[in-house]
Amino acid sequence: MTALVEDMNRRRAASFDPSAGQQEHFNESLEEPYELNMQIGAGGEHKHLLVCPGGFEGELWVQIGEEGEPLPVSSEWIMDSKVVRADIGGVEASIQPLAKTTTGYRMVQHGTTYEVGVASGSAAHLLHHMPVPEVIDYSAYVVAPLSGTLRSVAVKPGDEIAAGAEVAVLETMKT
């Protein structure tokens, strides 16, 4: 399903017209096979996919792993639709893409949300060199949306703070 969503996004990117002030054309062929490396969740299992667009009657063919059999993936999905329904090798499947993230997609299937990382080309081969980002617990901190100078603190540790009460004064330079 992720390969189908990725292929649709590639086709959409290729349709942009840079002469009309839109982003540059996608620089990869839309009909050539390409590799995707997929990871579900941080530290999750990596899946190597070979995606072959432009199959019979617009189908997408996807091979999972080196020895996997290519499976036809067909769908009448339109990008504005909230749910993707597809036939994958004769099996009906559906997924709800929530958002495109910097590294892939956030999707929901059967009530479970998945962060699916997607990389193609040389990026796929470099994924295993990327460190897993450290998750920082900010629950014990007051986080400001801007950097600045702390001018005063109106509370002491252990004080009870009412909603809307002044806690500190932060001086910033807004540009």
C-alpha atoms as a PDB file:
ATOM      1  CA  MET A   1       0.000   0.000   0.000  1.00  0.00           C
ATOM      2  CA  THR A   2       2.864   2.376   0.816  1.00  0.00           C
ATOM      3  CA  ALA A   3       4.358   1.768  -2.644  1.00  0.00           C
ATOM      4  CA  LEU A   4       1.007   2.770  -4.195  1.00  0.00           C
ATOM      5  CA  VAL A   5       0.864   6.000  -2.140  1.00  0.00           C
ATOM      6  CA  GLU A   6       4.516   6.779  -2.961  1.00  0.00           C
ATOM      7  CA  ASP A   7       3.948   6.147  -6.678  1.00  0.00           C
ATOM      8  CA  MET A   8       0.930   8.483  -6.707  1.00  0.00           C
ATOM      9  CA  ASN A   9       2.986  11.194  -4.968  1.00  0.00           C
ATOM     10  CA  ARG A  10       5.784  10.751  -7.542  1.00  0.00           C
ATOM     11  CA  ARG A  11       3.294  11.131 -10.393  1.00  0.00           C
ATOM     12  CA  ARG A  12       1.791  14.207  -8.763  1.00  0.00           C
ATOM     13  CA  ALA A  13       5.243  15.789  -8.311  1.00  0.00           C
ATOM     14  CA  ALA A  14       6.054  15.109 -11.969  1.00  0.00           C
ATOM     15  CA  SER A  15       2.925  16.974 -13.068  1.00  0.00           C
ATOM     16  CA  PHE A  16       4.027  20.306 -11.571  1.00  0.00           C
ATOM     17  CA  ASP A  17       4.952  22.990 -14.113  1.00  0.00           C
ATOM     18  CA  PRO A  18       8.043  25.002 -13.073  1.00  0.00           C
ATOM     19  CA  SER A  19       7.263  27.704 -15.666  1.00  0.00           C
ATOM     20  CA  ALA A  20       4.064  28.473 -13.713  1.00  0.00           C
ATOM     21  CA  GLY A  21       6.028  29.074 -10.501  1.00  0.00           C
ATOM     22  CA  GLN A  22       5.547  25.521  -9.238  1.00  0.00           C
ATOM     23  CA  GLN A  23       8.359  23.319  -7.973  1.00  0.00           C
ATOM     24  CA  GLU A  24      10.827  21.686 -10.362  1.00  0.00           C
ATOM     25  CA  HIS A  25       9.778  18.579 -12.241  1.00  0.00           C
ATOM     26  CA  PHE A  26      10.447  15.272 -10.511  1.00  0.00           C
ATOM     27  CA  ASN A  27      13.747  14.116 -12.024  1.00  0.00           C
ATOM     28  CA  GLU A  28      13.159  10.359 -12.168  1.00  0.00           C
ATOM     29  CA  SER A  29      11.423   8.375 -14.891  1.00  0.00           C
ATOM     30  CA  LEU A  30       7.894   7.412 -13.921  1.00  0.00           C
ATOM     31  CA  GLU A  31       7.968   4.177 -15.909  1.00  0.00           C
ATOM     32  CA  GLU A  32      11.351   2.811 -14.774  1.00  0.00           C
ATOM     33  CA  PRO A  33      11.486   0.369 -11.849  1.00  0.00           C
ATOM     34  CA  TYR A  34      12.786   1.888  -8.631  1.00  0.00           C
ATOM     35  CA  GLU A  35      13.769   0.607  -5.204  1.00  0.00           C
ATOM     36  CA  LEU A  36      12.139   1.588  -1.942  1.00  0.00           C
ATOM     37  CA  ASN A  37      13.416   0.755   1.503  1.00  0.00           C
ATOM     38  CA  MET A  38      10.573   0.792   3.998  1.00  0.00           C
ATOM     39  CA  GLN A  39      10.699   0.831   7.786  1.00  0.00           C
ATOM     40  CA  ILE A  40       7.625   0.640   9.994  1.00  0.00           C
ATOM     41  CA  GLY A  41       8.183   2.533  13.257  1.00  0.00           C
ATOM     42  CA  ALA A  42      11.474   3.654  14.805  1.00  0.00           C
ATOM     43  CA  GLY A  43      13.874   0.734  14.891  1.00  0.00           C
ATOM     44  CA  GLY A  44      11.339  -1.449  13.049  1.00  0.00           C
ATOM     45  CA  GLU A  45      12.038  -4.097  10.452  1.00  0.00           C
ATOM     46  CA  HIS A  46      13.337  -2.868   7.081  1.00  0.00           C
ATOM     47  CA  LYS A  47      11.604  -4.127   3.941  1.00  0.00           C
ATOM     48  CA  HIS A  48      13.233  -3.815   0.540  1.00  0.00           C
ATOM     49  CA  LEU A  49      10.763  -3.274  -2.302  1.00  0.00           C
ATOM     50  CA  LEU A  50      11.247  -3.217  -6.048  1.00  0.00           C
ATOM     51  CA  VAL A  51       8.458  -1.103  -7.547  1.00  0.00           C
ATOM     52  CA  CYS A  52       7.637  -1.478 -11.239  1.00  0.00           C
ATOM     53  CA  PRO A  53       5.157   1.196 -12.337  1.00  0.00           C
ATOM     54  CA  GLY A  54       3.250   1.124 -15.616  1.00  0.00           C
ATOM     55  CA  GLY A  55       2.374  -2.554 -15.550  1.00  0.00           C
ATOM     56  CA  PHE A  56      -0.558  -3.978 -17.445  1.00  0.00           C
ATOM     57  CA  GLU A  57      -3.412  -1.444 -17.669  1.00  0.00           C
ATOM     58  CA  GLY A  58      -1.737   0.971 -15.245  1.00  0.00           C
ATOM     59  CA  GLU A  59      -1.084  -1.566 -12.500  1.00  0.00           C
ATOM     60  CA  LEU A  60       1.865  -1.225 -10.206  1.00  0.00           C
ATOM     61  CA  TRP A  61       3.975  -4.321  -9.584  1.00  0.00           C
ATOM     62  CA  VAL A  62       5.752  -4.671  -6.248  1.00  0.00           C
ATOM     63  CA  GLN A  63       8.342  -7.265  -5.283  1.00  0.00           C
ATOM     64  CA  ILE A  64       9.078  -7.584  -1.562  1.00  0.00           C
ATOM     65  CA  GLY A  65      12.630  -8.721  -0.856  1.00  0.00           C
ATOM     66  CA  GLU A  66      15.080 -10.408  -3.201  1.00  0.00           C
ATOM     67  CA  GLU A  67      13.196 -13.692  -3.637  1.00  0.00           C
ATOM     68  CA  GLY A  68       9.636 -12.393  -3.423  1.00  0.00           C
ATOM     69  CA  GLU A  69       7.198 -12.857  -6.274  1.00  0.00           C
ATOM     70  CA  PRO A  70       6.116  -9.604  -7.955  1.00  0.00           C
ATOM     71  CA  LEU A  71       2.541  -8.780  -6.946  1.00  0.00           C
ATOM     72  CA  PRO A  72       0.181  -6.658  -9.036  1.00  0.00           C
ATOM     73  CA  VAL A  73      -1.236  -3.686  -7.111  1.00  0.00           C
ATOM     74  CA  SER A  74      -4.239  -1.945  -8.628  1.00  0.00           C
ATOM     75  CA  SER A  75      -6.428   0.810  -7.271  1.00  0.00           C
ATOM     76  CA  GLU A  76      -8.779   3.536  -8.404  1.00  0.00           C
ATOM     77  CA  TRP A  77      -7.589   5.747  -5.539  1.00  0.00           C
ATOM     78  CA  ILE A  78      -7.691   9.511  -6.008  1.00  0.00           C
ATOM     79  CA  MET A  79      -5.286  11.460  -3.777  1.00  0.00           C
ATOM     80  CA  ASP A  80      -8.113  13.502  -2.201  1.00  0.00           C
ATOM     81  CA  SER A  81      -9.829  10.328  -0.953  1.00  0.00           C
ATOM     82  CA  LYS A  82      -9.392   9.645   2.757  1.00  0.00           C
ATOM     83  CA  VAL A  83      -9.056   5.860   2.359  1.00  0.00           C
ATOM     84  CA  VAL A  84      -6.927   3.928  -0.132  1.00  0.00           C
ATOM     85  CA  ARG A  85      -8.496   0.693  -1.302  1.00  0.00           C
ATOM     86  CA  ALA A  86      -6.433  -1.612  -3.472  1.00  0.00           C
ATOM     87  CA  ASP A  87      -6.205  -5.126  -4.817  1.00  0.00           C
ATOM     88  CA  ILE A  88      -2.798  -6.620  -4.005  1.00  0.00           C
ATOM     89  CA  GLY A  89      -2.265  -9.914  -5.776  1.00  0.00           C
ATOM     90  CA  GLY A  90      -5.980 -10.726  -5.536  1.00  0.00           C
ATOM     91  CA  VAL A  91      -6.354  -9.650  -1.892  1.00  0.00           C
ATOM     92  CA  GLU A  92      -8.412  -6.554  -1.044  1.00  0.00           C
ATOM     93  CA  ALA A  93      -6.679  -4.132   1.339  1.00  0.00           C
ATOM     94  CA  SER A  94      -7.287  -0.631   2.655  1.00  0.00           C
ATOM     95  CA  ILE A  95      -5.296   1.996   4.519  1.00  0.00           C
ATOM     96  CA  GLN A  96      -5.799   5.629   5.514  1.00  0.00           C
ATOM     97  CA  PRO A  97      -2.861   7.927   4.779  1.00  0.00           C
ATOM     98  CA  LEU A  98      -2.856  10.665   7.443  1.00  0.00           C
ATOM     99  CA  ALA A  99       0.160  12.740   6.420  1.00  0.00           C
ATOM    100  CA  LYS A 100       3.325  12.835   4.384  1.00  0.00           C
ATOM    101  CA  THR A 101       6.207  13.216   6.826  1.00  0.00           C
ATOM    102  CA  THR A 102       9.813  14.244   6.196  1.00  0.00           C
ATOM    103  CA  THR A 103      10.838  10.583   6.013  1.00  0.00           C
ATOM    104  CA  GLY A 104       7.735   8.864   4.642  1.00  0.00           C
ATOM    105  CA  TYR A 105       4.112   8.614   5.689  1.00  0.00           C
ATOM    106  CA  ARG A 106       1.868   8.370   8.737  1.00  0.00           C
ATOM    107  CA  MET A 107      -0.881   5.819   8.027  1.00  0.00           C
ATOM    108  CA  VAL A 108      -3.721   4.085   9.857  1.00  0.00           C
ATOM    109  CA  GLN A 109      -4.743   0.494   9.252  1.00  0.00           C
ATOM    110  CA  HIS A 110      -7.355  -1.296  11.371  1.00  0.00           C
ATOM    111  CA  GLY A 111      -7.207   1.451  14.024  1.00  0.00           C
ATOM    112  CA  THR A 112      -3.417   1.339  14.449  1.00  0.00           C
ATOM    113  CA  THR A 113      -1.259   4.297  13.404  1.00  0.00           C
ATOM    114  CA  TYR A 114       2.021   3.480  11.658  1.00  0.00           C
ATOM    115  CA  GLU A 115       4.990   5.720  10.901  1.00  0.00           C
ATOM    116  CA  VAL A 116       6.306   4.320   7.627  1.00  0.00           C
ATOM    117  CA  GLY A 117       9.727   5.518   6.514  1.00  0.00           C
ATOM    118  CA  VAL A 118      10.362   5.446   2.763  1.00  0.00           C
ATOM    119  CA  ALA A 119      13.647   6.033   0.939  1.00  0.00           C
ATOM    120  CA  SER A 120      14.531   5.471  -2.683  1.00  0.00           C
ATOM    121  CA  GLY A 121      17.687   5.319  -4.775  1.00  0.00           C
ATOM    122  CA  SER A 122      20.969   5.948  -2.987  1.00  0.00           C
ATOM    123  CA  ALA A 123      19.130   7.155   0.147  1.00  0.00           C
ATOM    124  CA  ALA A 124      17.772   3.629   0.643  1.00  0.00           C
ATOM    125  CA  HIS A 125      21.303   2.201   0.731  1.00  0.00           C
ATOM    126  CA  LEU A 126      22.414   4.777   3.320  1.00  0.00           C
ATOM    127  CA  LEU A 127      19.511   4.305   5.758  1.00  0.00           C
ATOM    128  CA  HIS A 128      21.336   1.830   7.978  1.00  0.00           C
ATOM    129  CA  HIS A 129      24.004   4.514   8.655  1.00  0.00           C
ATOM    130  CA  MET A 130      21.443   6.961  10.054  1.00  0.00           C
ATOM    131  CA  PRO A 131      21.230   7.064  13.853  1.00  0.00           C
ATOM    132  CA  VAL A 132      17.827   6.648  15.482  1.00  0.00           C
ATOM    133  CA  PRO A 133      16.948  10.064  16.933  1.00  0.00           C
ATOM    134  CA  GLU A 134      16.936  10.252  20.715  1.00  0.00           C
ATOM    135  CA  VAL A 135      13.501  10.918  22.200  1.00  0.00           C
ATOM    136  CA  ILE A 136      13.810  13.689  24.798  1.00  0.00           C
ATOM    137  CA  ASP A 137      11.334  13.916  27.678  1.00  0.00           C
ATOM    138  CA  TYR A 138      10.349  17.582  28.011  1.00  0.00           C
ATOM    139  CA  SER A 139       7.682  16.980  30.662  1.00  0.00           C
ATOM    140  CA  ALA A 140       9.809  18.599  33.406  1.00  0.00           C
ATOM    141  CA  TYR A 141      10.611  21.722  31.341  1.00  0.00           C
ATOM    142  CA  VAL A 142       8.856  24.893  30.271  1.00  0.00           C
ATOM    143  CA  VAL A 143       9.589  25.145  26.557  1.00  0.00           C
ATOM    144  CA  ALA A 144       9.432  28.534  24.795  1.00  0.00           C
ATOM    145  CA  PRO A 145       8.655  28.888  21.084  1.00  0.00           C
ATOM    146  CA  LEU A 146      11.525  31.406  20.654  1.00  0.00           C
ATOM    147  CA  SER A 147      15.034  31.682  22.001  1.00  0.00           C
ATOM    148  CA  GLY A 148      15.767  34.656  24.228  1.00  0.00           C
ATOM    149  CA  THR A 149      17.069  35.923  27.556  1.00  0.00           C
ATOM    150  CA  LEU A 150      15.373  34.887  30.792  1.00  0.00           C
ATOM    151  CA  ARG A 151      14.811  38.209  32.639  1.00  0.00           C
ATOM    152  CA  SER A 152      12.941  37.013  35.740  1.00  0.00           C
ATOM    153  CA  VAL A 153      11.355  33.973  37.342  1.00  0.00           C
ATOM    154  CA  ALA A 154       8.169  34.616  39.361  1.00  0.00           C
ATOM    155  CA  VAL A 155       7.894  31.190  41.050  1.00  0.00           C
ATOM    156  CA  LYS A 156       9.982  28.901  43.246  1.00  0.00           C
ATOM    157  CA  PRO A 157      10.207  25.093  43.094  1.00  0.00           C
ATOM    158  CA  GLY A 158       7.150  23.571  44.737  1.00  0.00           C
ATOM    159  CA  ASP A 159       4.895  26.626  44.239  1.00  0.00           C
ATOM    160  CA  GLU A 160       1.384  25.964  43.004  1.00  0.00           C
ATOM    161  CA  ILE A 161       0.739  27.847  39.776  1.00  0.00           C
ATOM    162  CA  ALA A 162      -2.740  28.966  38.733  1.00  0.00           C
ATOM    163  CA  ALA A 163      -3.717  28.792  35.069  1.00  0.00           C
ATOM    164  CA  GLY A 164      -2.623  31.986  33.304  1.00  0.00           C
ATOM    165  CA  ALA A 165      -0.285  33.092  36.125  1.00  0.00           C
ATOM    166  CA  GLU A 166       3.093  34.606  35.260  1.00  0.00           C
ATOM    167  CA  VAL A 167       5.867  32.024  35.590  1.00  0.00           C
ATOM    168  CA  ALA A 168       8.786  33.859  33.969  1.00  0.00           C
ATOM    169  CA  VAL A 169       9.657  36.737  31.671  1.00  0.00           C
ATOM    170  CA  LEU A 170      11.547  35.878  28.493  1.00  0.00           C
ATOM    171  CA  GLU A 171      12.993  38.730  26.410  1.00  0.00           C
ATOM    172  CA  THR A 172      13.315  37.969  22.697  1.00  0.00           C
ATOM    173  CA  MET A 173      14.302  39.759  19.515  1.00  0.00           C
ATOM    174  CA  LYS A 174      11.537  39.265  16.981  1.00  0.00           C
ATOM    175  CA  THR A 175      12.504  39.924  13.371  1.00  0.00           C
END
